[in-house]
Amino acid sequence: MTNDAAQKYPLLAMPHVRLHGTVDNAMYDRFCDQLSASPDEGMLVVTITTLGGDPEVARAMGDDVRLLREFHGRDILFLGKVAVYSAGATFMAHFPVEHRFLTKGTRLLIHERQIDSTVTLSGPLKMQVANLKAKLHEIETSVDIEEEGFRDLVRGSSVAFEEVRKRAPDNWYIGADEARDLGLVLDVI
C-alpha cells in the first residue's frame, strides 16, 4: 500500500466489524451486533476471513452495507484477510471496487453455487411434472442470482462477466496481487 493510501485509509488497521468463520446466521448476528456498536458517522471498515458458507446470508449482509451506503451516505471499506472464499466473495461483491482491499497473501475463491438435492417421484404423474418444474425453477432462479453476483463482483474491474462465468465452474482462485491487477480490489495491504 502506498503512503498516499495509508494516509487516506488509516482505518484499515482498526476495523469496526471483524468477521471470521463460516458465513451463516451466527456470523450475520455478529455482523449486526458489531455494526450496531460502530460509530454513527464516518467511514467504517469491515473485515472478513472465511472459507465460505451460505450465499444468501452473504447477500443479506451485503444488502445491509448497500443500504447504509445509499440511505445514510456511509463509506464502508471491505478488507479481506487470508481467505475470502465462496460466500465471502459474494459479500465482497456488495462493495464498490474502490472500497475493496485485501491483505498480502489473501486468496479469493469464485465458484458456481452448489446444490445437493434429491428429487423423489412418487404419486400421480401430473403431480410429478409440477414437482420437477418447481425444482427446475429453483435452479434457474439460483443461476440468475449467481450471475447477478458475478456482475456485481466484476463491475468496475477489467474482468469481463463472461470470464467469471467461464472460470467459476473450475473453482477460480485469485491471489491478492492478481485481484489488484485485475481491478477486483483497489489495493493490497
N, C-alpha and C. Protein backbone atom coordinates (compact mmCIF):
# COMPACT_ATOMS: atom_id res chain seq x y z
N MET A 1 0.85 -1.17 0.00
CA MET A 1 0.00 0.00 0.00
C MET A 1 0.89 1.23 0.00
N THR A 2 0.57 2.19 -0.81
CA THR A 2 1.39 3.38 -0.90
C THR A 2 1.16 4.29 0.30
N ASN A 3 2.09 5.24 0.51
CA ASN A 3 1.93 6.20 1.59
C ASN A 3 0.62 6.96 1.45
N ASP A 4 0.28 7.36 0.21
CA ASP A 4 -0.98 8.05 -0.03
C ASP A 4 -2.16 7.23 0.47
N ALA A 5 -2.19 5.96 0.11
CA ALA A 5 -3.30 5.09 0.52
C ALA A 5 -3.31 4.91 2.03
N ALA A 6 -2.14 4.80 2.64
CA ALA A 6 -2.07 4.65 4.10
C ALA A 6 -2.63 5.89 4.79
N GLN A 7 -2.37 7.06 4.24
CA GLN A 7 -2.92 8.29 4.82
C GLN A 7 -4.41 8.41 4.55
N LYS A 8 -4.84 7.94 3.40
CA LYS A 8 -6.26 8.05 3.03
C LYS A 8 -7.13 7.03 3.77
N TYR A 9 -6.58 5.85 4.07
CA TYR A 9 -7.35 4.77 4.70
C TYR A 9 -6.69 4.26 5.98
N PRO A 10 -6.45 5.11 6.95
CA PRO A 10 -5.79 4.66 8.19
C PRO A 10 -6.66 3.68 8.98
N LEU A 11 -7.95 3.68 8.74
CA LEU A 11 -8.85 2.81 9.50
C LEU A 11 -8.70 1.33 9.15
N LEU A 12 -8.02 1.02 8.03
CA LEU A 12 -7.89 -0.39 7.64
C LEU A 12 -7.20 -1.21 8.74
N ALA A 13 -6.38 -0.56 9.54
CA ALA A 13 -5.68 -1.27 10.62
C ALA A 13 -6.56 -1.41 11.87
N MET A 14 -7.72 -0.72 11.89
CA MET A 14 -8.61 -0.76 13.05
C MET A 14 -10.05 -0.98 12.61
N PRO A 15 -10.38 -2.17 12.13
CA PRO A 15 -11.73 -2.41 11.61
C PRO A 15 -12.80 -2.30 12.69
N HIS A 16 -13.96 -1.88 12.26
CA HIS A 16 -15.12 -1.77 13.15
C HIS A 16 -15.87 -3.09 13.27
N VAL A 17 -15.86 -3.85 12.18
CA VAL A 17 -16.56 -5.14 12.13
C VAL A 17 -15.55 -6.19 11.69
N ARG A 18 -15.36 -7.22 12.53
CA ARG A 18 -14.43 -8.31 12.22
C ARG A 18 -15.22 -9.61 12.14
N LEU A 19 -15.21 -10.21 10.96
CA LEU A 19 -15.94 -11.45 10.73
C LEU A 19 -14.97 -12.55 10.37
N HIS A 20 -15.19 -13.73 10.93
CA HIS A 20 -14.35 -14.88 10.59
C HIS A 20 -15.18 -16.14 10.78
N GLY A 21 -14.84 -17.14 10.00
CA GLY A 21 -15.54 -18.42 10.09
C GLY A 21 -16.55 -18.58 8.97
N THR A 22 -17.45 -19.51 9.19
CA THR A 22 -18.48 -19.85 8.20
C THR A 22 -19.49 -18.71 8.08
N VAL A 23 -19.83 -18.38 6.84
CA VAL A 23 -20.89 -17.39 6.60
C VAL A 23 -22.21 -18.10 6.87
N ASP A 24 -22.81 -17.77 8.00
CA ASP A 24 -24.07 -18.40 8.40
C ASP A 24 -24.86 -17.42 9.27
N ASN A 25 -25.96 -17.88 9.83
CA ASN A 25 -26.79 -16.99 10.65
C ASN A 25 -26.04 -16.46 11.86
N ALA A 26 -25.16 -17.25 12.44
CA ALA A 26 -24.38 -16.79 13.59
C ALA A 26 -23.45 -15.65 13.18
N MET A 27 -22.83 -15.75 11.99
CA MET A 27 -21.99 -14.66 11.51
C MET A 27 -22.83 -13.42 11.27
N TYR A 28 -24.03 -13.61 10.71
CA TYR A 28 -24.91 -12.46 10.45
C TYR A 28 -25.27 -11.76 11.76
N ASP A 29 -25.52 -12.53 12.80
CA ASP A 29 -25.80 -11.95 14.12
C ASP A 29 -24.61 -11.14 14.62
N ARG A 30 -23.40 -11.69 14.49
CA ARG A 30 -22.19 -10.96 14.92
C ARG A 30 -22.00 -9.69 14.09
N PHE A 31 -22.26 -9.81 12.79
CA PHE A 31 -22.16 -8.67 11.89
C PHE A 31 -23.10 -7.56 12.34
N CYS A 32 -24.35 -7.90 12.60
CA CYS A 32 -25.35 -6.90 13.02
C CYS A 32 -24.97 -6.27 14.36
N ASP A 33 -24.52 -7.10 15.31
CA ASP A 33 -24.12 -6.58 16.63
C ASP A 33 -22.95 -5.61 16.51
N GLN A 34 -21.93 -5.99 15.73
CA GLN A 34 -20.76 -5.13 15.60
C GLN A 34 -21.08 -3.86 14.81
N LEU A 35 -21.94 -4.00 13.82
CA LEU A 35 -22.34 -2.83 13.04
C LEU A 35 -23.11 -1.85 13.92
N SER A 36 -23.98 -2.36 14.77
CA SER A 36 -24.75 -1.52 15.69
C SER A 36 -23.85 -0.80 16.69
N ALA A 37 -22.75 -1.43 17.07
CA ALA A 37 -21.82 -0.84 18.03
C ALA A 37 -20.82 0.12 17.37
N SER A 38 -20.84 0.22 16.05
CA SER A 38 -19.91 1.08 15.32
C SER A 38 -20.35 2.54 15.42
N PRO A 39 -19.43 3.46 15.18
CA PRO A 39 -19.77 4.89 15.19
C PRO A 39 -20.89 5.19 14.18
N ASP A 40 -21.71 6.17 14.51
CA ASP A 40 -22.84 6.53 13.65
C ASP A 40 -22.43 7.36 12.44
N GLU A 41 -21.23 7.89 12.47
CA GLU A 41 -20.76 8.74 11.37
C GLU A 41 -19.34 8.33 10.98
N GLY A 42 -18.96 8.75 9.80
CA GLY A 42 -17.62 8.48 9.32
C GLY A 42 -17.49 7.16 8.61
N MET A 43 -16.30 6.91 8.13
CA MET A 43 -16.00 5.70 7.37
C MET A 43 -15.96 4.49 8.30
N LEU A 44 -16.46 3.37 7.79
CA LEU A 44 -16.42 2.10 8.52
C LEU A 44 -15.56 1.10 7.75
N VAL A 45 -14.97 0.17 8.48
CA VAL A 45 -14.19 -0.91 7.87
C VAL A 45 -14.75 -2.24 8.34
N VAL A 46 -15.00 -3.12 7.38
CA VAL A 46 -15.48 -4.48 7.65
C VAL A 46 -14.42 -5.44 7.14
N THR A 47 -13.96 -6.36 8.00
CA THR A 47 -13.03 -7.39 7.56
C THR A 47 -13.71 -8.75 7.59
N ILE A 48 -13.24 -9.63 6.73
CA ILE A 48 -13.77 -10.99 6.74
C ILE A 48 -12.66 -11.97 6.36
N THR A 49 -12.68 -13.10 7.03
CA THR A 49 -11.87 -14.27 6.69
C THR A 49 -12.84 -15.44 6.71
N THR A 50 -13.01 -16.10 5.57
CA THR A 50 -13.97 -17.20 5.53
C THR A 50 -13.64 -18.20 4.42
N LEU A 51 -13.95 -19.44 4.71
CA LEU A 51 -13.85 -20.49 3.69
C LEU A 51 -15.17 -20.66 2.95
N GLY A 52 -16.17 -19.83 3.31
CA GLY A 52 -17.44 -19.84 2.59
C GLY A 52 -18.61 -20.10 3.51
N GLY A 53 -19.72 -20.46 2.91
CA GLY A 53 -20.93 -20.70 3.67
C GLY A 53 -22.17 -20.40 2.85
N ASP A 54 -23.16 -19.84 3.50
CA ASP A 54 -24.47 -19.59 2.92
C ASP A 54 -24.45 -18.31 2.07
N PRO A 55 -24.63 -18.44 0.75
CA PRO A 55 -24.59 -17.24 -0.10
C PRO A 55 -25.73 -16.27 0.18
N GLU A 56 -26.86 -16.77 0.66
CA GLU A 56 -27.98 -15.87 0.95
C GLU A 56 -27.69 -15.02 2.18
N VAL A 57 -26.98 -15.56 3.16
CA VAL A 57 -26.57 -14.77 4.32
C VAL A 57 -25.57 -13.71 3.86
N ALA A 58 -24.65 -14.07 2.98
CA ALA A 58 -23.70 -13.10 2.44
C ALA A 58 -24.43 -11.99 1.71
N ARG A 59 -25.45 -12.33 0.97
CA ARG A 59 -26.24 -11.33 0.25
C ARG A 59 -26.99 -10.43 1.23
N ALA A 60 -27.48 -10.98 2.33
CA ALA A 60 -28.19 -10.18 3.33
C ALA A 60 -27.24 -9.18 3.99
N MET A 61 -26.03 -9.65 4.36
CA MET A 61 -25.04 -8.73 4.94
C MET A 61 -24.67 -7.65 3.92
N GLY A 62 -24.50 -8.05 2.68
CA GLY A 62 -24.18 -7.10 1.63
C GLY A 62 -25.27 -6.07 1.42
N ASP A 63 -26.51 -6.50 1.54
CA ASP A 63 -27.62 -5.56 1.42
C ASP A 63 -27.60 -4.54 2.55
N ASP A 64 -27.24 -4.98 3.75
CA ASP A 64 -27.11 -4.04 4.87
C ASP A 64 -26.05 -2.98 4.55
N VAL A 65 -24.95 -3.41 3.98
CA VAL A 65 -23.88 -2.48 3.59
C VAL A 65 -24.39 -1.50 2.53
N ARG A 66 -25.08 -2.03 1.54
CA ARG A 66 -25.62 -1.19 0.46
C ARG A 66 -26.59 -0.15 1.02
N LEU A 67 -27.47 -0.58 1.91
CA LEU A 67 -28.45 0.35 2.48
C LEU A 67 -27.78 1.45 3.29
N LEU A 68 -26.75 1.10 4.06
CA LEU A 68 -26.01 2.12 4.79
C LEU A 68 -25.36 3.13 3.83
N ARG A 69 -24.82 2.61 2.76
CA ARG A 69 -24.16 3.48 1.78
C ARG A 69 -25.18 4.37 1.07
N GLU A 70 -26.27 3.79 0.60
CA GLU A 70 -27.23 4.53 -0.21
C GLU A 70 -28.15 5.44 0.61
N PHE A 71 -28.59 4.99 1.78
CA PHE A 71 -29.56 5.75 2.55
C PHE A 71 -28.93 6.66 3.60
N HIS A 72 -27.72 6.35 4.00
CA HIS A 72 -27.07 7.14 5.04
C HIS A 72 -25.75 7.76 4.58
N GLY A 73 -25.39 7.53 3.32
CA GLY A 73 -24.18 8.13 2.77
C GLY A 73 -22.89 7.66 3.43
N ARG A 74 -22.91 6.46 4.00
CA ARG A 74 -21.72 5.95 4.70
C ARG A 74 -20.74 5.35 3.71
N ASP A 75 -19.47 5.66 3.91
CA ASP A 75 -18.41 4.99 3.18
C ASP A 75 -17.99 3.78 4.01
N ILE A 76 -18.04 2.62 3.40
CA ILE A 76 -17.70 1.38 4.10
C ILE A 76 -16.65 0.65 3.27
N LEU A 77 -15.54 0.35 3.90
CA LEU A 77 -14.45 -0.33 3.23
C LEU A 77 -14.48 -1.82 3.55
N PHE A 78 -14.12 -2.62 2.57
CA PHE A 78 -14.02 -4.07 2.71
C PHE A 78 -12.56 -4.44 2.79
N LEU A 79 -12.20 -5.24 3.78
CA LEU A 79 -10.84 -5.76 3.90
C LEU A 79 -10.90 -7.27 4.03
N GLY A 80 -10.51 -7.97 2.98
CA GLY A 80 -10.45 -9.42 3.00
C GLY A 80 -9.11 -9.87 3.54
N LYS A 81 -9.15 -10.83 4.46
CA LYS A 81 -7.92 -11.31 5.09
C LYS A 81 -7.80 -12.82 4.93
N VAL A 82 -6.66 -13.27 4.48
CA VAL A 82 -6.24 -14.67 4.37
C VAL A 82 -7.06 -15.45 3.34
N ALA A 83 -8.35 -15.65 3.58
CA ALA A 83 -9.20 -16.41 2.67
C ALA A 83 -10.55 -15.71 2.54
N VAL A 84 -10.93 -15.40 1.31
CA VAL A 84 -12.25 -14.84 1.03
C VAL A 84 -12.86 -15.75 -0.02
N TYR A 85 -13.35 -16.87 0.46
CA TYR A 85 -13.83 -17.92 -0.43
C TYR A 85 -15.35 -17.87 -0.56
N SER A 86 -15.82 -18.22 -1.75
CA SER A 86 -17.21 -18.52 -1.98
C SER A 86 -18.15 -17.42 -1.49
N ALA A 87 -18.89 -17.65 -0.42
CA ALA A 87 -19.83 -16.66 0.11
C ALA A 87 -19.11 -15.39 0.54
N GLY A 88 -17.83 -15.49 0.89
CA GLY A 88 -17.05 -14.30 1.21
C GLY A 88 -16.90 -13.40 -0.01
N ALA A 89 -16.68 -14.00 -1.18
CA ALA A 89 -16.60 -13.23 -2.42
C ALA A 89 -17.97 -12.65 -2.77
N THR A 90 -19.02 -13.39 -2.46
CA THR A 90 -20.38 -12.87 -2.66
C THR A 90 -20.59 -11.61 -1.82
N PHE A 91 -20.13 -11.64 -0.57
CA PHE A 91 -20.23 -10.47 0.30
C PHE A 91 -19.39 -9.32 -0.26
N MET A 92 -18.16 -9.61 -0.69
CA MET A 92 -17.28 -8.59 -1.23
C MET A 92 -17.90 -7.88 -2.43
N ALA A 93 -18.69 -8.60 -3.22
CA ALA A 93 -19.30 -8.04 -4.43
C ALA A 93 -20.23 -6.86 -4.12
N HIS A 94 -20.66 -6.73 -2.87
CA HIS A 94 -21.57 -5.65 -2.49
C HIS A 94 -20.84 -4.33 -2.21
N PHE A 95 -19.52 -4.34 -2.27
CA PHE A 95 -18.72 -3.14 -2.07
C PHE A 95 -18.20 -2.67 -3.42
N PRO A 96 -18.21 -1.37 -3.68
CA PRO A 96 -17.61 -0.89 -4.92
C PRO A 96 -16.11 -1.25 -4.96
N VAL A 97 -15.58 -1.49 -6.13
CA VAL A 97 -14.18 -1.88 -6.29
C VAL A 97 -13.26 -0.92 -5.55
N GLU A 98 -13.56 0.37 -5.61
CA GLU A 98 -12.68 1.36 -4.99
C GLU A 98 -12.74 1.33 -3.46
N HIS A 99 -13.58 0.49 -2.90
CA HIS A 99 -13.67 0.32 -1.44
C HIS A 99 -13.23 -1.07 -0.99
N ARG A 100 -12.62 -1.83 -1.90
CA ARG A 100 -12.19 -3.20 -1.59
C ARG A 100 -10.68 -3.27 -1.44
N PHE A 101 -10.25 -3.96 -0.38
CA PHE A 101 -8.83 -4.19 -0.12
C PHE A 101 -8.65 -5.64 0.30
N LEU A 102 -7.45 -6.17 0.06
CA LEU A 102 -7.06 -7.49 0.55
C LEU A 102 -5.73 -7.37 1.26
N THR A 103 -5.50 -8.22 2.25
CA THR A 103 -4.18 -8.26 2.87
C THR A 103 -3.28 -9.14 2.02
N LYS A 104 -1.97 -8.94 2.17
CA LYS A 104 -0.99 -9.72 1.42
C LYS A 104 -1.23 -11.20 1.63
N GLY A 105 -1.15 -11.94 0.54
CA GLY A 105 -1.29 -13.39 0.62
C GLY A 105 -2.72 -13.90 0.65
N THR A 106 -3.69 -13.02 0.68
CA THR A 106 -5.09 -13.44 0.69
C THR A 106 -5.45 -14.07 -0.65
N ARG A 107 -6.34 -15.05 -0.60
CA ARG A 107 -6.85 -15.68 -1.81
C ARG A 107 -8.36 -15.51 -1.86
N LEU A 108 -8.86 -15.24 -3.06
CA LEU A 108 -10.30 -15.25 -3.33
C LEU A 108 -10.63 -16.58 -3.98
N LEU A 109 -11.83 -17.07 -3.73
CA LEU A 109 -12.34 -18.24 -4.46
C LEU A 109 -13.71 -17.87 -5.02
N ILE A 110 -13.79 -17.97 -6.33
CA ILE A 110 -15.05 -17.71 -7.02
C ILE A 110 -15.47 -19.02 -7.68
N HIS A 111 -16.68 -19.45 -7.38
CA HIS A 111 -17.18 -20.67 -8.00
C HIS A 111 -18.69 -20.60 -8.15
N GLU A 112 -19.22 -21.59 -8.83
CA GLU A 112 -20.67 -21.66 -9.01
C GLU A 112 -21.34 -22.07 -7.70
N ARG A 113 -22.59 -21.68 -7.55
CA ARG A 113 -23.38 -22.15 -6.41
C ARG A 113 -23.52 -23.66 -6.50
N GLN A 114 -23.68 -24.26 -5.37
CA GLN A 114 -23.78 -25.72 -5.30
C GLN A 114 -25.21 -26.12 -4.94
N ILE A 115 -25.58 -27.31 -5.32
CA ILE A 115 -26.87 -27.87 -4.92
C ILE A 115 -26.65 -29.32 -4.54
N ASP A 116 -27.32 -29.73 -3.51
CA ASP A 116 -27.32 -31.13 -3.09
C ASP A 116 -28.77 -31.47 -2.82
N SER A 117 -29.40 -32.10 -3.78
CA SER A 117 -30.83 -32.31 -3.69
C SER A 117 -31.20 -33.64 -4.34
N THR A 118 -32.20 -34.25 -3.79
CA THR A 118 -32.75 -35.48 -4.36
C THR A 118 -34.21 -35.23 -4.71
N VAL A 119 -34.57 -35.60 -5.91
CA VAL A 119 -35.96 -35.47 -6.33
C VAL A 119 -36.58 -36.85 -6.28
N THR A 120 -37.61 -37.00 -5.48
CA THR A 120 -38.32 -38.27 -5.37
C THR A 120 -39.62 -38.17 -6.14
N LEU A 121 -39.80 -39.10 -7.03
CA LEU A 121 -41.03 -39.14 -7.82
C LEU A 121 -41.91 -40.27 -7.29
N SER A 122 -43.05 -39.88 -6.77
CA SER A 122 -43.97 -40.86 -6.20
C SER A 122 -45.36 -40.26 -6.19
N GLY A 123 -46.31 -40.96 -6.77
CA GLY A 123 -47.69 -40.48 -6.78
C GLY A 123 -48.18 -40.22 -8.18
N PRO A 124 -49.25 -39.44 -8.29
CA PRO A 124 -49.86 -39.17 -9.60
C PRO A 124 -48.87 -38.50 -10.56
N LEU A 125 -48.94 -38.90 -11.82
CA LEU A 125 -47.99 -38.41 -12.82
C LEU A 125 -48.03 -36.90 -12.99
N LYS A 126 -49.23 -36.32 -13.02
CA LYS A 126 -49.31 -34.87 -13.21
C LYS A 126 -48.62 -34.11 -12.07
N MET A 127 -48.70 -34.67 -10.88
CA MET A 127 -48.05 -34.03 -9.74
C MET A 127 -46.53 -34.08 -9.90
N GLN A 128 -46.00 -35.09 -10.55
CA GLN A 128 -44.56 -35.20 -10.74
C GLN A 128 -44.04 -34.14 -11.71
N VAL A 129 -44.86 -33.82 -12.71
CA VAL A 129 -44.49 -32.75 -13.63
C VAL A 129 -44.36 -31.44 -12.85
N ALA A 130 -45.31 -31.17 -11.97
CA ALA A 130 -45.27 -29.94 -11.16
C ALA A 130 -44.05 -29.94 -10.24
N ASN A 131 -43.74 -31.09 -9.63
CA ASN A 131 -42.58 -31.17 -8.75
C ASN A 131 -41.28 -30.91 -9.51
N LEU A 132 -41.17 -31.51 -10.69
CA LEU A 132 -39.95 -31.31 -11.49
C LEU A 132 -39.84 -29.86 -11.98
N LYS A 133 -40.95 -29.26 -12.38
CA LYS A 133 -40.93 -27.86 -12.81
C LYS A 133 -40.53 -26.95 -11.65
N ALA A 134 -41.02 -27.23 -10.45
CA ALA A 134 -40.67 -26.42 -9.28
C ALA A 134 -39.16 -26.50 -9.00
N LYS A 135 -38.59 -27.70 -9.11
CA LYS A 135 -37.15 -27.86 -8.88
C LYS A 135 -36.36 -27.13 -9.96
N LEU A 136 -36.81 -27.23 -11.21
CA LEU A 136 -36.16 -26.53 -12.30
C LEU A 136 -36.20 -25.01 -12.08
N HIS A 137 -37.33 -24.49 -11.64
CA HIS A 137 -37.44 -23.04 -11.37
C HIS A 137 -36.50 -22.63 -10.24
N GLU A 138 -36.36 -23.46 -9.24
CA GLU A 138 -35.43 -23.19 -8.14
C GLU A 138 -33.99 -23.07 -8.67
N ILE A 139 -33.61 -24.00 -9.52
CA ILE A 139 -32.26 -24.00 -10.09
C ILE A 139 -32.07 -22.78 -10.99
N GLU A 140 -33.04 -22.49 -11.85
CA GLU A 140 -32.93 -21.34 -12.76
C GLU A 140 -32.82 -20.03 -11.98
N THR A 141 -33.59 -19.90 -10.92
CA THR A 141 -33.53 -18.69 -10.10
C THR A 141 -32.18 -18.59 -9.41
N SER A 142 -31.65 -19.69 -8.93
CA SER A 142 -30.33 -19.68 -8.29
C SER A 142 -29.24 -19.28 -9.28
N VAL A 143 -29.35 -19.73 -10.53
CA VAL A 143 -28.38 -19.34 -11.56
C VAL A 143 -28.49 -17.84 -11.82
N ASP A 144 -29.71 -17.31 -11.89
CA ASP A 144 -29.89 -15.86 -12.09
C ASP A 144 -29.25 -15.06 -10.96
N ILE A 145 -29.47 -15.50 -9.72
CA ILE A 145 -28.90 -14.81 -8.55
C ILE A 145 -27.37 -14.89 -8.60
N GLU A 146 -26.85 -16.06 -8.94
CA GLU A 146 -25.40 -16.23 -9.07
C GLU A 146 -24.83 -15.25 -10.09
N GLU A 147 -25.47 -15.15 -11.24
CA GLU A 147 -24.97 -14.27 -12.30
C GLU A 147 -25.06 -12.80 -11.90
N GLU A 148 -26.10 -12.41 -11.16
CA GLU A 148 -26.18 -11.04 -10.63
C GLU A 148 -24.96 -10.77 -9.75
N GLY A 149 -24.62 -11.73 -8.90
CA GLY A 149 -23.47 -11.58 -8.02
C GLY A 149 -22.17 -11.49 -8.78
N PHE A 150 -22.01 -12.29 -9.83
CA PHE A 150 -20.81 -12.23 -10.66
C PHE A 150 -20.68 -10.85 -11.32
N ARG A 151 -21.81 -10.32 -11.79
CA ARG A 151 -21.79 -8.99 -12.42
C ARG A 151 -21.38 -7.92 -11.40
N ASP A 152 -21.91 -8.02 -10.18
CA ASP A 152 -21.55 -7.06 -9.13
C ASP A 152 -20.06 -7.19 -8.78
N LEU A 153 -19.57 -8.40 -8.73
CA LEU A 153 -18.17 -8.64 -8.38
C LEU A 153 -17.21 -7.98 -9.37
N VAL A 154 -17.52 -8.07 -10.65
CA VAL A 154 -16.59 -7.57 -11.67
C VAL A 154 -16.87 -6.13 -12.11
N ARG A 155 -17.99 -5.55 -11.66
CA ARG A 155 -18.32 -4.17 -12.05
C ARG A 155 -17.19 -3.23 -11.62
N GLY A 156 -16.68 -2.47 -12.55
CA GLY A 156 -15.60 -1.53 -12.26
C GLY A 156 -14.21 -2.13 -12.37
N SER A 157 -14.11 -3.41 -12.71
CA SER A 157 -12.81 -4.07 -12.85
C SER A 157 -12.53 -4.32 -14.33
N SER A 158 -11.38 -4.92 -14.62
CA SER A 158 -11.06 -5.26 -16.01
C SER A 158 -11.49 -6.69 -16.36
N VAL A 159 -12.16 -7.36 -15.42
CA VAL A 159 -12.63 -8.72 -15.67
C VAL A 159 -14.02 -8.68 -16.30
N ALA A 160 -14.16 -9.36 -17.40
CA ALA A 160 -15.46 -9.43 -18.07
C ALA A 160 -16.34 -10.48 -17.38
N PHE A 161 -17.63 -10.22 -17.39
CA PHE A 161 -18.59 -11.17 -16.83
C PHE A 161 -18.41 -12.56 -17.42
N GLU A 162 -18.20 -12.63 -18.73
CA GLU A 162 -18.04 -13.92 -19.41
C GLU A 162 -16.82 -14.68 -18.89
N GLU A 163 -15.77 -13.95 -18.50
CA GLU A 163 -14.57 -14.60 -17.95
C GLU A 163 -14.90 -15.29 -16.62
N VAL A 164 -15.66 -14.62 -15.77
CA VAL A 164 -16.05 -15.24 -14.49
C VAL A 164 -16.93 -16.45 -14.75
N ARG A 165 -17.88 -16.29 -15.63
CA ARG A 165 -18.78 -17.41 -15.97
C ARG A 165 -18.00 -18.62 -16.49
N LYS A 166 -16.96 -18.35 -17.25
CA LYS A 166 -16.14 -19.43 -17.83
C LYS A 166 -15.29 -20.11 -16.76
N ARG A 167 -14.74 -19.34 -15.82
CA ARG A 167 -13.78 -19.88 -14.85
C ARG A 167 -14.42 -20.39 -13.57
N ALA A 168 -15.59 -19.91 -13.22
CA ALA A 168 -16.23 -20.29 -11.96
C ALA A 168 -16.49 -21.79 -11.82
N PRO A 169 -16.88 -22.51 -12.87
CA PRO A 169 -17.14 -23.95 -12.69
C PRO A 169 -15.91 -24.74 -12.22
N ASP A 170 -14.71 -24.21 -12.48
CA ASP A 170 -13.47 -24.90 -12.11
C ASP A 170 -12.86 -24.38 -10.81
N ASN A 171 -13.64 -23.62 -10.01
CA ASN A 171 -13.11 -23.01 -8.77
C ASN A 171 -11.95 -22.09 -9.09
N TRP A 172 -12.24 -20.84 -9.35
CA TRP A 172 -11.25 -19.84 -9.72
C TRP A 172 -10.65 -19.22 -8.46
N TYR A 173 -9.40 -19.57 -8.17
CA TYR A 173 -8.66 -18.99 -7.05
C TYR A 173 -7.85 -17.81 -7.58
N ILE A 174 -7.93 -16.68 -6.89
CA ILE A 174 -7.24 -15.47 -7.31
C ILE A 174 -6.45 -14.94 -6.12
N GLY A 175 -5.13 -14.78 -6.30
CA GLY A 175 -4.30 -14.20 -5.25
C GLY A 175 -4.53 -12.70 -5.14
N ALA A 176 -4.14 -12.14 -4.01
CA ALA A 176 -4.37 -10.72 -3.73
C ALA A 176 -3.77 -9.82 -4.81
N ASP A 177 -2.53 -10.07 -5.18
CA ASP A 177 -1.88 -9.21 -6.18
C ASP A 177 -2.59 -9.32 -7.53
N GLU A 178 -2.98 -10.53 -7.91
CA GLU A 178 -3.70 -10.70 -9.17
C GLU A 178 -5.05 -9.99 -9.10
N ALA A 179 -5.73 -10.09 -7.96
CA ALA A 179 -7.03 -9.40 -7.79
C ALA A 179 -6.86 -7.90 -7.98
N ARG A 180 -5.78 -7.35 -7.42
CA ARG A 180 -5.49 -5.91 -7.60
C ARG A 180 -5.21 -5.62 -9.07
N ASP A 181 -4.38 -6.44 -9.71
CA ASP A 181 -4.02 -6.21 -11.10
C ASP A 181 -5.23 -6.32 -12.03
N LEU A 182 -6.20 -7.16 -11.66
CA LEU A 182 -7.43 -7.31 -12.45
C LEU A 182 -8.45 -6.22 -12.12
N GLY A 183 -8.15 -5.42 -11.11
CA GLY A 183 -9.07 -4.35 -10.72
C GLY A 183 -10.24 -4.83 -9.88
N LEU A 184 -10.15 -6.04 -9.33
CA LEU A 184 -11.22 -6.54 -8.46
C LEU A 184 -11.17 -5.89 -7.08
N VAL A 185 -9.99 -5.41 -6.69
CA VAL A 185 -9.81 -4.68 -5.43
C VAL A 185 -8.95 -3.45 -5.72
N LEU A 186 -9.03 -2.46 -4.84
CA LEU A 186 -8.25 -1.25 -5.05
C LEU A 186 -6.78 -1.46 -4.75
N ASP A 187 -6.51 -2.17 -3.64
CA ASP A 187 -5.11 -2.31 -3.25
C ASP A 187 -4.92 -3.51 -2.34
N VAL A 188 -3.67 -3.88 -2.17
CA VAL A 188 -3.25 -4.96 -1.27
C VAL A 188 -2.44 -4.30 -0.15
N ILE A 189 -2.77 -4.64 1.09
CA ILE A 189 -2.05 -4.04 2.23
C ILE A 189 -1.33 -5.10 3.03
